[in-house]
């Protein structure tokens, strides 16, 4: 096995850190009330998966922790990609529109 095929605690913690950075960087764009509700729902999913990742990590379930943190980041990335949030030009943290 190579380094890139092993899920370690350090790798999960790295992705948690990256996702937290993305969550703090992205800011809502001016949206209609309906789109604000959609964004709120997306960010709840992001936050729920983030919490799940930390829970799984604390309980030694690295596979589920890694999956959950990637789902968490995907929700933020999707919100930026569809224009609900501004990624402030950061094409490392986000898939920009």
PDB file of N, CA and C in Angstrom:
ATOM      1  N   UNK A   1       0.842  -1.190   0.000  1.00  0.00           N
ATOM      2  CA  UNK A   1       0.000   0.000   0.000  1.00  0.00           C
ATOM      3  C   UNK A   1       0.881   1.245   0.000  1.00  0.00           C
ATOM      4  N   UNK A   2       0.422   2.254  -0.687  1.00  0.00           N
ATOM      5  CA  UNK A   2       1.156   3.506  -0.728  1.00  0.00           C
ATOM      6  C   UNK A   2       0.525   4.505   0.232  1.00  0.00           C
ATOM      7  N   UNK A   3       1.256   5.564   0.458  1.00  0.00           N
ATOM      8  CA  UNK A   3       0.784   6.623   1.356  1.00  0.00           C
ATOM      9  C   UNK A   3      -0.565   7.183   0.926  1.00  0.00           C
ATOM     10  N   UNK A   4      -0.821   7.226  -0.381  1.00  0.00           N
ATOM     11  CA  UNK A   4      -2.064   7.803  -0.892  1.00  0.00           C
ATOM     12  C   UNK A   4      -3.263   6.871  -0.792  1.00  0.00           C
ATOM     13  N   UNK A   5      -3.057   5.643  -0.346  1.00  0.00           N
ATOM     14  CA  UNK A   5      -4.175   4.713  -0.237  1.00  0.00           C
ATOM     15  C   UNK A   5      -4.527   4.390   1.207  1.00  0.00           C
ATOM     16  N   UNK A   6      -3.888   5.051   2.139  1.00  0.00           N
ATOM     17  CA  UNK A   6      -4.121   4.772   3.553  1.00  0.00           C
ATOM     18  C   UNK A   6      -4.794   5.975   4.209  1.00  0.00           C
ATOM     19  N   UNK A   7      -5.900   5.720   4.887  1.00  0.00           N
ATOM     20  CA  UNK A   7      -6.574   6.784   5.629  1.00  0.00           C
ATOM     21  C   UNK A   7      -6.014   6.775   7.044  1.00  0.00           C
ATOM     22  N   UNK A   8      -5.373   7.867   7.393  1.00  0.00           N
ATOM     23  CA  UNK A   8      -4.794   8.009   8.721  1.00  0.00           C
ATOM     24  C   UNK A   8      -5.538   9.090   9.490  1.00  0.00           C
ATOM     25  N   UNK A   9      -5.330   9.106  10.786  1.00  0.00           N
ATOM     26  CA  UNK A   9      -5.902  10.162  11.621  1.00  0.00           C
ATOM     27  C   UNK A   9      -5.409  11.531  11.154  1.00  0.00           C
ATOM     28  N   UNK A  10      -4.145  11.614  10.808  1.00  0.00           N
ATOM     29  CA  UNK A  10      -3.567  12.878  10.349  1.00  0.00           C
ATOM     30  C   UNK A  10      -4.219  13.346   9.049  1.00  0.00           C
ATOM     31  N   UNK A  11      -4.491  12.411   8.147  1.00  0.00           N
ATOM     32  CA  UNK A  11      -5.125  12.768   6.874  1.00  0.00           C
ATOM     33  C   UNK A  11      -6.537  13.289   7.115  1.00  0.00           C
ATOM     34  N   UNK A  12      -7.282  12.632   7.970  1.00  0.00           N
ATOM     35  CA  UNK A  12      -8.638  13.092   8.282  1.00  0.00           C
ATOM     36  C   UNK A  12      -8.573  14.469   8.930  1.00  0.00           C
ATOM     37  N   UNK A  13      -7.670  14.662   9.865  1.00  0.00           N
ATOM     38  CA  UNK A  13      -7.528  15.964  10.521  1.00  0.00           C
ATOM     39  C   UNK A  13      -7.151  17.049   9.513  1.00  0.00           C
ATOM     40  N   UNK A  14      -6.322  16.710   8.538  1.00  0.00           N
ATOM     41  CA  UNK A  14      -5.952  17.672   7.489  1.00  0.00           C
ATOM     42  C   UNK A  14      -7.195  18.103   6.715  1.00  0.00           C
ATOM     43  N   UNK A  15      -8.031  17.148   6.332  1.00  0.00           N
ATOM     44  CA  UNK A  15      -9.228  17.479   5.570  1.00  0.00           C
ATOM     45  C   UNK A  15     -10.256  18.216   6.419  1.00  0.00           C
ATOM     46  N   UNK A  16     -10.314  17.921   7.692  1.00  0.00           N
ATOM     47  CA  UNK A  16     -11.174  18.690   8.591  1.00  0.00           C
ATOM     48  C   UNK A  16     -10.718  20.142   8.616  1.00  0.00           C
ATOM     49  N   UNK A  17      -9.424  20.359   8.691  1.00  0.00           N
ATOM     50  CA  UNK A  17      -8.866  21.706   8.700  1.00  0.00           C
ATOM     51  C   UNK A  17      -9.165  22.443   7.395  1.00  0.00           C
ATOM     52  N   UNK A  18      -9.005  21.758   6.274  1.00  0.00           N
ATOM     53  CA  UNK A  18      -9.275  22.369   4.966  1.00  0.00           C
ATOM     54  C   UNK A  18     -10.756  22.735   4.848  1.00  0.00           C
ATOM     55  N   UNK A  19     -11.612  21.844   5.303  1.00  0.00           N
ATOM     56  CA  UNK A  19     -13.049  22.102   5.222  1.00  0.00           C
ATOM     57  C   UNK A  19     -13.446  23.256   6.139  1.00  0.00           C
ATOM     58  N   UNK A  20     -12.862  23.329   7.319  1.00  0.00           N
ATOM     59  CA  UNK A  20     -13.129  24.448   8.216  1.00  0.00           C
ATOM     60  C   UNK A  20     -12.675  25.756   7.584  1.00  0.00           C
ATOM     61  N   UNK A  21     -11.526  25.740   6.937  1.00  0.00           N
ATOM     62  CA  UNK A  21     -11.041  26.934   6.237  1.00  0.00           C
ATOM     63  C   UNK A  21     -12.030  27.351   5.150  1.00  0.00           C
ATOM     64  N   UNK A  22     -12.522  26.393   4.389  1.00  0.00           N
ATOM     65  CA  UNK A  22     -13.487  26.692   3.331  1.00  0.00           C
ATOM     66  C   UNK A  22     -14.788  27.235   3.911  1.00  0.00           C
ATOM     67  N   UNK A  23     -15.242  26.631   5.000  1.00  0.00           N
ATOM     68  CA  UNK A  23     -16.497  27.066   5.632  1.00  0.00           C
ATOM     69  C   UNK A  23     -16.373  28.499   6.123  1.00  0.00           C
ATOM     70  N   UNK A  24     -15.209  28.859   6.627  1.00  0.00           N
ATOM     71  CA  UNK A  24     -14.997  30.215   7.128  1.00  0.00           C
ATOM     72  C   UNK A  24     -14.772  31.224   6.005  1.00  0.00           C
ATOM     73  N   UNK A  25     -14.277  30.768   4.876  1.00  0.00           N
ATOM     74  CA  UNK A  25     -13.947  31.686   3.785  1.00  0.00           C
ATOM     75  C   UNK A  25     -15.156  32.027   2.921  1.00  0.00           C
ATOM     76  N   UNK A  26     -15.962  31.038   2.596  1.00  0.00           N
ATOM     77  CA  UNK A  26     -17.104  31.258   1.711  1.00  0.00           C
ATOM     78  C   UNK A  26     -18.150  32.131   2.402  1.00  0.00           C
ATOM     79  N   UNK A  27     -18.669  33.083   1.661  1.00  0.00           N
ATOM     80  CA  UNK A  27     -19.694  33.968   2.205  1.00  0.00           C
ATOM     81  C   UNK A  27     -20.908  33.972   1.286  1.00  0.00           C
ATOM     82  N   UNK A  28     -22.085  34.111   1.863  1.00  0.00           N
ATOM     83  CA  UNK A  28     -23.301  34.094   1.047  1.00  0.00           C
ATOM     84  C   UNK A  28     -23.349  35.267   0.069  1.00  0.00           C
ATOM     85  N   UNK A  29     -23.810  34.974  -1.137  1.00  0.00           N
ATOM     86  CA  UNK A  29     -24.093  36.028  -2.098  1.00  0.00           C
ATOM     87  C   UNK A  29     -25.485  36.580  -1.808  1.00  0.00           C
ATOM     88  N   UNK A  30     -25.812  37.699  -2.424  1.00  0.00           N
ATOM     89  CA  UNK A  30     -27.155  38.252  -2.288  1.00  0.00           C
ATOM     90  C   UNK A  30     -28.094  37.316  -3.035  1.00  0.00           C
ATOM     91  N   UNK A  31     -29.077  36.772  -2.303  1.00  0.00           N
ATOM     92  CA  UNK A  31     -29.957  35.748  -2.850  1.00  0.00           C
ATOM     93  C   UNK A  31     -31.418  36.069  -2.559  1.00  0.00           C
ATOM     94  N   UNK A  32     -32.283  35.473  -3.354  1.00  0.00           N
ATOM     95  CA  UNK A  32     -33.716  35.557  -3.078  1.00  0.00           C
ATOM     96  C   UNK A  32     -34.004  34.785  -1.797  1.00  0.00           C
ATOM     97  N   UNK A  33     -35.165  34.996  -1.246  1.00  0.00           N
ATOM     98  CA  UNK A  33     -35.537  34.278  -0.022  1.00  0.00           C
ATOM     99  C   UNK A  33     -35.544  32.770  -0.243  1.00  0.00           C
ATOM    100  N   UNK A  34     -36.044  32.336  -1.395  1.00  0.00           N
ATOM    101  CA  UNK A  34     -36.067  30.900  -1.688  1.00  0.00           C
ATOM    102  C   UNK A  34     -34.652  30.328  -1.760  1.00  0.00           C
ATOM    103  N   UNK A  35     -33.756  31.048  -2.425  1.00  0.00           N
ATOM    104  CA  UNK A  35     -32.375  30.565  -2.524  1.00  0.00           C
ATOM    105  C   UNK A  35     -31.651  30.631  -1.183  1.00  0.00           C
ATOM    106  N   UNK A  36     -31.987  31.615  -0.353  1.00  0.00           N
ATOM    107  CA  UNK A  36     -31.414  31.658   0.997  1.00  0.00           C
ATOM    108  C   UNK A  36     -31.821  30.431   1.798  1.00  0.00           C
ATOM    109  N   UNK A  37     -33.069  30.012   1.649  1.00  0.00           N
ATOM    110  CA  UNK A  37     -33.527  28.798   2.325  1.00  0.00           C
ATOM    111  C   UNK A  37     -32.763  27.582   1.811  1.00  0.00           C
ATOM    112  N   UNK A  38     -32.538  27.533   0.514  1.00  0.00           N
ATOM    113  CA  UNK A  38     -31.777  26.417  -0.068  1.00  0.00           C
ATOM    114  C   UNK A  38     -30.343  26.422   0.458  1.00  0.00           C
ATOM    115  N   UNK A  39     -29.740  27.600   0.512  1.00  0.00           N
ATOM    116  CA  UNK A  39     -28.379  27.708   1.027  1.00  0.00           C
ATOM    117  C   UNK A  39     -28.330  27.288   2.489  1.00  0.00           C
ATOM    118  N   UNK A  40     -29.286  27.727   3.278  1.00  0.00           N
ATOM    119  CA  UNK A  40     -29.325  27.324   4.690  1.00  0.00           C
ATOM    120  C   UNK A  40     -29.388  25.805   4.818  1.00  0.00           C
ATOM    121  N   UNK A  41     -30.193  25.187   3.982  1.00  0.00           N
ATOM    122  CA  UNK A  41     -30.300  23.730   4.005  1.00  0.00           C
ATOM    123  C   UNK A  41     -28.968  23.085   3.624  1.00  0.00           C
ATOM    124  N   UNK A  42     -28.309  23.620   2.617  1.00  0.00           N
ATOM    125  CA  UNK A  42     -27.011  23.088   2.195  1.00  0.00           C
ATOM    126  C   UNK A  42     -25.975  23.231   3.305  1.00  0.00           C
ATOM    127  N   UNK A  43     -25.962  24.357   3.983  1.00  0.00           N
ATOM    128  CA  UNK A  43     -24.973  24.569   5.037  1.00  0.00           C
ATOM    129  C   UNK A  43     -25.281  23.740   6.285  1.00  0.00           C
ATOM    130  N   UNK A  44     -26.566  23.444   6.518  1.00  0.00           N
ATOM    131  CA  UNK A  44     -26.900  22.513   7.607  1.00  0.00           C
ATOM    132  C   UNK A  44     -26.335  21.131   7.295  1.00  0.00           C
ATOM    133  N   UNK A  45     -26.466  20.712   6.039  1.00  0.00           N
ATOM    134  CA  UNK A  45     -25.899  19.416   5.631  1.00  0.00           C
ATOM    135  C   UNK A  45     -24.383  19.443   5.806  1.00  0.00           C
ATOM    136  N   UNK A  46     -23.756  20.530   5.388  1.00  0.00           N
ATOM    137  CA  UNK A  46     -22.309  20.688   5.552  1.00  0.00           C
ATOM    138  C   UNK A  46     -21.927  20.552   7.018  1.00  0.00           C
ATOM    139  N   UNK A  47     -22.618  21.261   7.860  1.00  0.00           N
ATOM    140  CA  UNK A  47     -22.294  21.253   9.290  1.00  0.00           C
ATOM    141  C   UNK A  47     -22.580  19.900   9.934  1.00  0.00           C
ATOM    142  N   UNK A  48     -23.653  19.250   9.509  1.00  0.00           N
ATOM    143  CA  UNK A  48     -23.974  17.926  10.048  1.00  0.00           C
ATOM    144  C   UNK A  48     -22.898  16.910   9.671  1.00  0.00           C
ATOM    145  N   UNK A  49     -22.479  16.918   8.412  1.00  0.00           N
ATOM    146  CA  UNK A  49     -21.418  15.997   7.995  1.00  0.00           C
ATOM    147  C   UNK A  49     -20.102  16.327   8.686  1.00  0.00           C
ATOM    148  N   UNK A  50     -19.841  17.618   8.917  1.00  0.00           N
ATOM    149  CA  UNK A  50     -18.638  18.030   9.631  1.00  0.00           C
ATOM    150  C   UNK A  50     -18.647  17.442  11.049  1.00  0.00           C
ATOM    151  N   UNK A  51     -19.791  17.575  11.721  1.00  0.00           N
ATOM    152  CA  UNK A  51     -19.928  17.007  13.073  1.00  0.00           C
ATOM    153  C   UNK A  51     -19.778  15.498  13.052  1.00  0.00           C
ATOM    154  N   UNK A  52     -20.375  14.869  12.050  1.00  0.00           N
ATOM    155  CA  UNK A  52     -20.239  13.410  11.923  1.00  0.00           C
ATOM    156  C   UNK A  52     -18.775  13.014  11.760  1.00  0.00           C
ATOM    157  N   UNK A  53     -18.047  13.751  10.939  1.00  0.00           N
ATOM    158  CA  UNK A  53     -16.628  13.434  10.712  1.00  0.00           C
ATOM    159  C   UNK A  53     -15.851  13.491  12.020  1.00  0.00           C
ATOM    160  N   UNK A  54     -16.084  14.534  12.811  1.00  0.00           N
ATOM    161  CA  UNK A  54     -15.388  14.649  14.086  1.00  0.00           C
ATOM    162  C   UNK A  54     -15.782  13.512  15.032  1.00  0.00           C
ATOM    163  N   UNK A  55     -17.064  13.160  15.054  1.00  0.00           N
ATOM    164  CA  UNK A  55     -17.539  12.055  15.897  1.00  0.00           C
ATOM    165  C   UNK A  55     -16.851  10.753  15.493  1.00  0.00           C
ATOM    166  N   UNK A  56     -16.869  10.458  14.193  1.00  0.00           N
ATOM    167  CA  UNK A  56     -16.250   9.225  13.717  1.00  0.00           C
ATOM    168  C   UNK A  56     -14.754   9.208  14.023  1.00  0.00           C
ATOM    169  N   UNK A  57     -14.091  10.340  13.845  1.00  0.00           N
ATOM    170  CA  UNK A  57     -12.663  10.425  14.141  1.00  0.00           C
ATOM    171  C   UNK A  57     -12.408  10.136  15.618  1.00  0.00           C
ATOM    172  N   UNK A  58     -13.181  10.768  16.484  1.00  0.00           N
ATOM    173  CA  UNK A  58     -13.017  10.564  17.927  1.00  0.00           C
ATOM    174  C   UNK A  58     -13.237   9.110  18.335  1.00  0.00           C
ATOM    175  N   UNK A  59     -14.038   8.391  17.538  1.00  0.00           N
ATOM    176  CA  UNK A  59     -14.343   6.993  17.853  1.00  0.00           C
ATOM    177  C   UNK A  59     -13.499   6.017  17.033  1.00  0.00           C
ATOM    178  N   UNK A  60     -12.490   6.538  16.357  1.00  0.00           N
ATOM    179  CA  UNK A  60     -11.550   5.689  15.648  1.00  0.00           C
ATOM    180  C   UNK A  60     -12.043   5.116  14.334  1.00  0.00           C
ATOM    181  N   UNK A  61     -13.176   5.594  13.843  1.00  0.00           N
ATOM    182  CA  UNK A  61     -13.718   5.109  12.574  1.00  0.00           C
ATOM    183  C   UNK A  61     -13.231   6.035  11.456  1.00  0.00           C
ATOM    184  N   UNK A  62     -12.002   5.795  11.013  1.00  0.00           N
ATOM    185  CA  UNK A  62     -11.356   6.694  10.072  1.00  0.00           C
ATOM    186  C   UNK A  62     -11.999   6.677   8.689  1.00  0.00           C
ATOM    187  N   UNK A  63     -12.497   5.533   8.268  1.00  0.00           N
ATOM    188  CA  UNK A  63     -13.125   5.454   6.944  1.00  0.00           C
ATOM    189  C   UNK A  63     -14.373   6.323   6.897  1.00  0.00           C
ATOM    190  N   UNK A  64     -15.234   6.189   7.889  1.00  0.00           N
ATOM    191  CA  UNK A  64     -16.449   7.022   7.916  1.00  0.00           C
ATOM    192  C   UNK A  64     -16.108   8.495   8.155  1.00  0.00           C
ATOM    193  N   UNK A  65     -15.105   8.778   8.954  1.00  0.00           N
ATOM    194  CA  UNK A  65     -14.686  10.161   9.193  1.00  0.00           C
ATOM    195  C   UNK A  65     -14.216  10.803   7.889  1.00  0.00           C
ATOM    196  N   UNK A  66     -13.417  10.064   7.122  1.00  0.00           N
ATOM    197  CA  UNK A  66     -12.898  10.581   5.853  1.00  0.00           C
ATOM    198  C   UNK A  66     -14.040  10.813   4.865  1.00  0.00           C
ATOM    199  N   UNK A  67     -14.962   9.875   4.804  1.00  0.00           N
ATOM    200  CA  UNK A  67     -16.110  10.048   3.918  1.00  0.00           C
ATOM    201  C   UNK A  67     -16.958  11.236   4.324  1.00  0.00           C
ATOM    202  N   UNK A  68     -17.228  11.375   5.599  1.00  0.00           N
ATOM    203  CA  UNK A  68     -18.091  12.459   6.084  1.00  0.00           C
ATOM    204  C   UNK A  68     -17.469  13.825   5.848  1.00  0.00           C
ATOM    205  N   UNK A  69     -16.168  13.944   6.048  1.00  0.00           N
ATOM    206  CA  UNK A  69     -15.562  15.267   5.860  1.00  0.00           C
ATOM    207  C   UNK A  69     -15.538  15.647   4.386  1.00  0.00           C
ATOM    208  N   UNK A  70     -15.410  14.667   3.530  1.00  0.00           N
ATOM    209  CA  UNK A  70     -15.454  14.968   2.101  1.00  0.00           C
ATOM    210  C   UNK A  70     -16.862  15.349   1.650  1.00  0.00           C
ATOM    211  N   UNK A  71     -17.887  14.711   2.210  1.00  0.00           N
ATOM    212  CA  UNK A  71     -19.260  15.139   1.942  1.00  0.00           C
ATOM    213  C   UNK A  71     -19.475  16.570   2.458  1.00  0.00           C
ATOM    214  N   UNK A  72     -18.975  16.861   3.629  1.00  0.00           N
ATOM    215  CA  UNK A  72     -19.117  18.196   4.201  1.00  0.00           C
ATOM    216  C   UNK A  72     -18.542  19.249   3.256  1.00  0.00           C
ATOM    217  N   UNK A  73     -17.331  19.007   2.807  1.00  0.00           N
ATOM    218  CA  UNK A  73     -16.680  19.969   1.912  1.00  0.00           C
ATOM    219  C   UNK A  73     -17.436  20.078   0.593  1.00  0.00           C
ATOM    220  N   UNK A  74     -17.969  18.968   0.127  1.00  0.00           N
ATOM    221  CA  UNK A  74     -18.708  18.984  -1.138  1.00  0.00           C
ATOM    222  C   UNK A  74     -19.926  19.905  -1.074  1.00  0.00           C
ATOM    223  N   UNK A  75     -20.587  19.967   0.084  1.00  0.00           N
ATOM    224  CA  UNK A  75     -21.742  20.859   0.203  1.00  0.00           C
ATOM    225  C   UNK A  75     -21.323  22.320   0.074  1.00  0.00           C
ATOM    226  N   UNK A  76     -20.214  22.685   0.680  1.00  0.00           N
ATOM    227  CA  UNK A  76     -19.723  24.072   0.547  1.00  0.00           C
ATOM    228  C   UNK A  76     -19.318  24.332  -0.898  1.00  0.00           C
ATOM    229  N   UNK A  77     -18.585  23.401  -1.461  1.00  0.00           N
ATOM    230  CA  UNK A  77     -18.108  23.547  -2.827  1.00  0.00           C
ATOM    231  C   UNK A  77     -19.279  23.696  -3.796  1.00  0.00           C
ATOM    232  N   UNK A  78     -20.318  22.914  -3.603  1.00  0.00           N
ATOM    233  CA  UNK A  78     -21.497  23.015  -4.460  1.00  0.00           C
ATOM    234  C   UNK A  78     -22.161  24.384  -4.327  1.00  0.00           C
ATOM    235  N   UNK A  79     -22.248  24.892  -3.108  1.00  0.00           N
ATOM    236  CA  UNK A  79     -22.859  26.209  -2.896  1.00  0.00           C
ATOM    237  C   UNK A  79     -22.069  27.302  -3.604  1.00  0.00           C
ATOM    238  N   UNK A  80     -20.759  27.180  -3.605  1.00  0.00           N
ATOM    239  CA  UNK A  80     -19.923  28.150  -4.330  1.00  0.00           C
ATOM    240  C   UNK A  80     -20.113  27.962  -5.833  1.00  0.00           C
ATOM    241  N   UNK A  81     -20.070  26.740  -6.270  1.00  0.00           N
ATOM    242  CA  UNK A  81     -20.156  26.434  -7.702  1.00  0.00           C
ATOM    243  C   UNK A  81     -21.443  26.945  -8.332  1.00  0.00           C
ATOM    244  N   UNK A  82     -22.568  26.818  -7.628  1.00  0.00           N
ATOM    245  CA  UNK A  82     -23.845  27.257  -8.205  1.00  0.00           C
ATOM    246  C   UNK A  82     -24.135  28.733  -7.939  1.00  0.00           C
ATOM    247  N   UNK A  83     -23.227  29.409  -7.237  1.00  0.00           N
ATOM    248  CA  UNK A  83     -23.364  30.845  -7.055  1.00  0.00           C
ATOM    249  C   UNK A  83     -24.100  31.284  -5.810  1.00  0.00           C
ATOM    250  N   UNK A  84     -24.429  30.359  -4.913  1.00  0.00           N
ATOM    251  CA  UNK A  84     -25.073  30.745  -3.663  1.00  0.00           C
ATOM    252  C   UNK A  84     -24.075  31.393  -2.709  1.00  0.00           C
ATOM    253  N   UNK A  85     -22.801  31.007  -2.835  1.00  0.00           N
ATOM    254  CA  UNK A  85     -21.758  31.572  -1.978  1.00  0.00           C
ATOM    255  C   UNK A  85     -20.608  32.063  -2.843  1.00  0.00           C
ATOM    256  N   UNK A  86     -19.862  33.001  -2.294  1.00  0.00           N
ATOM    257  CA  UNK A  86     -18.683  33.546  -2.944  1.00  0.00           C
ATOM    258  C   UNK A  86     -17.450  32.860  -2.368  1.00  0.00           C
ATOM    259  N   UNK A  87     -16.661  32.248  -3.235  1.00  0.00           N
ATOM    260  CA  UNK A  87     -15.420  31.603  -2.818  1.00  0.00           C
ATOM    261  C   UNK A  87     -14.233  32.532  -2.852  1.00  0.00           C
ATOM    262  N   UNK A  88     -14.469  33.793  -3.168  1.00  0.00           N
ATOM    263  CA  UNK A  88     -13.448  34.833  -3.157  1.00  0.00           C
ATOM    264  C   UNK A  88     -12.224  34.470  -4.005  1.00  0.00           C
ATOM    265  N   UNK A  89     -12.499  33.851  -5.162  1.00  0.00           N
ATOM    266  CA  UNK A  89     -11.443  33.556  -6.103  1.00  0.00           C
ATOM    267  C   UNK A  89     -10.510  32.413  -5.735  1.00  0.00           C
ATOM    268  N   UNK A  90     -10.813  31.700  -4.660  1.00  0.00           N
ATOM    269  CA  UNK A  90      -9.939  30.630  -4.193  1.00  0.00           C
ATOM    270  C   UNK A  90     -10.232  29.333  -4.955  1.00  0.00           C
ATOM    271  N   UNK A  91      -9.387  29.051  -5.959  1.00  0.00           N
ATOM    272  CA  UNK A  91      -9.621  27.851  -6.758  1.00  0.00           C
ATOM    273  C   UNK A  91      -8.898  26.627  -6.184  1.00  0.00           C
ATOM    274  N   UNK A  92      -8.355  26.754  -4.990  1.00  0.00           N
ATOM    275  CA  UNK A  92      -7.786  25.606  -4.281  1.00  0.00           C
ATOM    276  C   UNK A  92      -8.865  25.005  -3.374  1.00  0.00           C
ATOM    277  N   UNK A  93      -9.578  25.856  -2.654  1.00  0.00           N
ATOM    278  CA  UNK A  93     -10.616  25.376  -1.753  1.00  0.00           C
ATOM    279  C   UNK A  93     -11.923  25.055  -2.467  1.00  0.00           C
ATOM    280  N   UNK A  94     -12.154  25.685  -3.623  1.00  0.00           N
ATOM    281  CA  UNK A  94     -13.454  25.596  -4.281  1.00  0.00           C
ATOM    282  C   UNK A  94     -13.315  25.310  -5.768  1.00  0.00           C
ATOM    283  N   UNK A  95     -14.381  24.719  -6.318  1.00  0.00           N
ATOM    284  CA  UNK A  95     -14.548  24.615  -7.773  1.00  0.00           C
ATOM    285  C   UNK A  95     -15.321  25.858  -8.173  1.00  0.00           C
ATOM    286  N   UNK A  96     -14.623  26.836  -8.685  1.00  0.00           N
ATOM    287  CA  UNK A  96     -15.253  28.116  -8.971  1.00  0.00           C
ATOM    288  C   UNK A  96     -16.141  28.043 -10.209  1.00  0.00           C
ATOM    289  N   UNK A  97     -17.190  28.874 -10.221  1.00  0.00           N
ATOM    290  CA  UNK A  97     -18.089  28.903 -11.395  1.00  0.00           C
ATOM    291  C   UNK A  97     -17.357  29.407 -12.629  1.00  0.00           C
TER     292      UNK A  97
END
